[in-house]
C-alpha atoms as a PDB file:
ATOM      1  CA  UNK A   1      13.751   9.029 -52.382  1.00  0.00           C
ATOM      2  CA  UNK A   2      11.079  11.549 -53.283  1.00  0.00           C
ATOM      3  CA  UNK A   3       8.326  12.918 -51.116  1.00  0.00           C
ATOM      4  CA  UNK A   4       7.601  11.022 -47.918  1.00  0.00           C
ATOM      5  CA  UNK A   5       4.040  12.256 -47.367  1.00  0.00           C
ATOM      6  CA  UNK A   6       1.254  14.254 -48.959  1.00  0.00           C
ATOM      7  CA  UNK A   7      -1.450  16.549 -47.688  1.00  0.00           C
ATOM      8  CA  UNK A   8      -4.398  16.051 -50.020  1.00  0.00           C
ATOM      9  CA  UNK A   9      -6.510  19.107 -49.150  1.00  0.00           C
ATOM     10  CA  UNK A  10      -5.655  22.274 -47.174  1.00  0.00           C
ATOM     11  CA  UNK A  11      -8.595  21.520 -44.841  1.00  0.00           C
ATOM     12  CA  UNK A  12      -7.063  18.152 -43.830  1.00  0.00           C
ATOM     13  CA  UNK A  13      -5.663  17.650 -40.343  1.00  0.00           C
ATOM     14  CA  UNK A  14      -3.918  14.466 -41.492  1.00  0.00           C
ATOM     15  CA  UNK A  15      -1.219  13.718 -44.037  1.00  0.00           C
ATOM     16  CA  UNK A  16      -0.758  10.422 -45.867  1.00  0.00           C
ATOM     17  CA  UNK A  17       2.570   8.592 -45.733  1.00  0.00           C
ATOM     18  CA  UNK A  18       3.853   7.848 -49.247  1.00  0.00           C
ATOM     19  CA  UNK A  19       6.454   5.482 -47.818  1.00  0.00           C
ATOM     20  CA  UNK A  20       7.104   3.923 -44.429  1.00  0.00           C
ATOM     21  CA  UNK A  21       7.993   6.579 -41.864  1.00  0.00           C
ATOM     22  CA  UNK A  22      10.227   5.818 -38.906  1.00  0.00           C
ATOM     23  CA  UNK A  23       9.842   7.001 -35.326  1.00  0.00           C
ATOM     24  CA  UNK A  24      11.793  10.222 -34.628  1.00  0.00           C
ATOM     25  CA  UNK A  25      12.053  11.256 -38.304  1.00  0.00           C
ATOM     26  CA  UNK A  26      11.512  15.000 -38.691  1.00  0.00           C
ATOM     27  CA  UNK A  27       9.716  16.102 -41.853  1.00  0.00           C
ATOM     28  CA  UNK A  28       9.507  19.595 -43.315  1.00  0.00           C
ATOM     29  CA  UNK A  29       5.995  20.900 -43.902  1.00  0.00           C
ATOM     30  CA  UNK A  30       5.199  23.214 -46.810  1.00  0.00           C
ATOM     31  CA  UNK A  31       3.952  25.717 -44.226  1.00  0.00           C
ATOM     32  CA  UNK A  32       7.528  26.005 -42.982  1.00  0.00           C
ATOM     33  CA  UNK A  33       6.890  23.984 -39.843  1.00  0.00           C
ATOM     34  CA  UNK A  34       8.239  20.593 -38.823  1.00  0.00           C
ATOM     35  CA  UNK A  35       6.510  17.291 -38.165  1.00  0.00           C
ATOM     36  CA  UNK A  36       8.243  14.816 -35.842  1.00  0.00           C
ATOM     37  CA  UNK A  37       7.034  11.252 -36.368  1.00  0.00           C
ATOM     38  CA  UNK A  38       6.194   9.755 -32.960  1.00  0.00           C
ATOM     39  CA  UNK A  39       5.890   6.091 -33.990  1.00  0.00           C
ATOM     40  CA  UNK A  40       6.575   3.942 -37.043  1.00  0.00           C
ATOM     41  CA  UNK A  41       3.880   4.613 -39.655  1.00  0.00           C
ATOM     42  CA  UNK A  42       3.252   2.255 -42.588  1.00  0.00           C
ATOM     43  CA  UNK A  43       3.088   3.588 -46.146  1.00  0.00           C
ATOM     44  CA  UNK A  44      -0.386   4.794 -47.199  1.00  0.00           C
ATOM     45  CA  UNK A  45      -1.454   5.430 -43.592  1.00  0.00           C
ATOM     46  CA  UNK A  46      -2.480   8.696 -41.937  1.00  0.00           C
ATOM     47  CA  UNK A  47      -0.364  10.981 -39.722  1.00  0.00           C
ATOM     48  CA  UNK A  48      -1.801  13.651 -37.417  1.00  0.00           C
ATOM     49  CA  UNK A  49      -0.722  17.139 -38.526  1.00  0.00           C
ATOM     50  CA  UNK A  50      -1.870  18.678 -35.239  1.00  0.00           C
ATOM     51  CA  UNK A  51      -2.914  17.589 -31.773  1.00  0.00           C
ATOM     52  CA  UNK A  52      -6.438  16.206 -32.155  1.00  0.00           C
ATOM     53  CA  UNK A  53      -8.515  16.078 -28.963  1.00  0.00           C
ATOM     54  CA  UNK A  54     -10.928  13.267 -28.155  1.00  0.00           C
ATOM     55  CA  UNK A  55     -14.051  13.591 -30.318  1.00  0.00           C
ATOM     56  CA  UNK A  56     -12.610  16.154 -32.748  1.00  0.00           C
ATOM     57  CA  UNK A  57     -13.431  15.680 -36.418  1.00  0.00           C
ATOM     58  CA  UNK A  58     -10.690  14.217 -38.612  1.00  0.00           C
ATOM     59  CA  UNK A  59     -10.489  15.427 -42.216  1.00  0.00           C
ATOM     60  CA  UNK A  60      -8.907  13.731 -45.241  1.00  0.00           C
ATOM     61  CA  UNK A  61      -9.622  14.723 -48.880  1.00  0.00           C
ATOM     62  CA  UNK A  62     -11.183  17.851 -47.352  1.00  0.00           C
ATOM     63  CA  UNK A  63     -13.994  15.610 -46.080  1.00  0.00           C
ATOM     64  CA  UNK A  64     -14.919  14.355 -42.627  1.00  0.00           C
ATOM     65  CA  UNK A  65     -13.699  10.758 -42.268  1.00  0.00           C
ATOM     66  CA  UNK A  66     -14.391  10.312 -38.574  1.00  0.00           C
ATOM     67  CA  UNK A  67     -13.627  11.497 -35.070  1.00  0.00           C
ATOM     68  CA  UNK A  68     -10.764  10.934 -32.685  1.00  0.00           C
ATOM     69  CA  UNK A  69     -11.574   7.939 -30.453  1.00  0.00           C
ATOM     70  CA  UNK A  70      -8.969   9.277 -28.014  1.00  0.00           C
ATOM     71  CA  UNK A  71      -6.584  12.224 -27.918  1.00  0.00           C
ATOM     72  CA  UNK A  72      -4.059  12.018 -30.771  1.00  0.00           C
ATOM     73  CA  UNK A  73      -0.728  13.862 -30.730  1.00  0.00           C
ATOM     74  CA  UNK A  74       0.775  15.647 -33.717  1.00  0.00           C
ATOM     75  CA  UNK A  75       2.985  13.095 -35.502  1.00  0.00           C
ATOM     76  CA  UNK A  76       1.057  10.006 -34.360  1.00  0.00           C
ATOM     77  CA  UNK A  77      -0.329   7.294 -36.614  1.00  0.00           C
ATOM     78  CA  UNK A  78      -4.078   7.535 -37.193  1.00  0.00           C
ATOM     79  CA  UNK A  79      -5.819   4.227 -37.813  1.00  0.00           C
ATOM     80  CA  UNK A  80      -8.635   2.065 -36.432  1.00  0.00           C
ATOM     81  CA  UNK A  81      -7.145   2.106 -32.910  1.00  0.00           C
ATOM     82  CA  UNK A  82      -7.789   5.848 -32.507  1.00  0.00           C
ATOM     83  CA  UNK A  83     -10.295   6.780 -35.248  1.00  0.00           C
ATOM     84  CA  UNK A  84     -14.062   6.288 -35.186  1.00  0.00           C
ATOM     85  CA  UNK A  85     -14.955   6.105 -38.889  1.00  0.00           C
ATOM     86  CA  UNK A  86     -17.931   7.742 -40.546  1.00  0.00           C
ATOM     87  CA  UNK A  87     -20.324   5.160 -41.940  1.00  0.00           C
ATOM     88  CA  UNK A  88     -21.238   5.684 -45.559  1.00  0.00           C
ATOM     89  CA  UNK A  89     -24.952   6.053 -44.782  1.00  0.00           C
ATOM     90  CA  UNK A  90     -25.721   9.022 -42.541  1.00  0.00           C
ATOM     91  CA  UNK A  91     -23.015  10.386 -40.305  1.00  0.00           C
ATOM     92  CA  UNK A  92     -23.217   7.755 -37.638  1.00  0.00           C
ATOM     93  CA  UNK A  93     -19.996   6.646 -36.000  1.00  0.00           C
ATOM     94  CA  UNK A  94     -18.930   3.109 -35.379  1.00  0.00           C
ATOM     95  CA  UNK A  95     -17.148   2.240 -32.151  1.00  0.00           C
END
């Protein structure tokens, strides 16, 4: 089946699902740790690699992509319901 996720940059606190991930799957991280998937996550979507408190910066591609709109647990899906995205102009956040 190949790899199920990728971490694009070592600075990232999210991984990207390369295929659909199912709740309760446990994935091996290159660091030697484990990542338990807490909810179904569609392919090409983001997964929290650590607990991310409300307002903490979220990194993908080694770049800031937004902030946590609420506390996010390690293994949860990150998408518009819990991510305030960075607008392209400036670093203003949209609600």
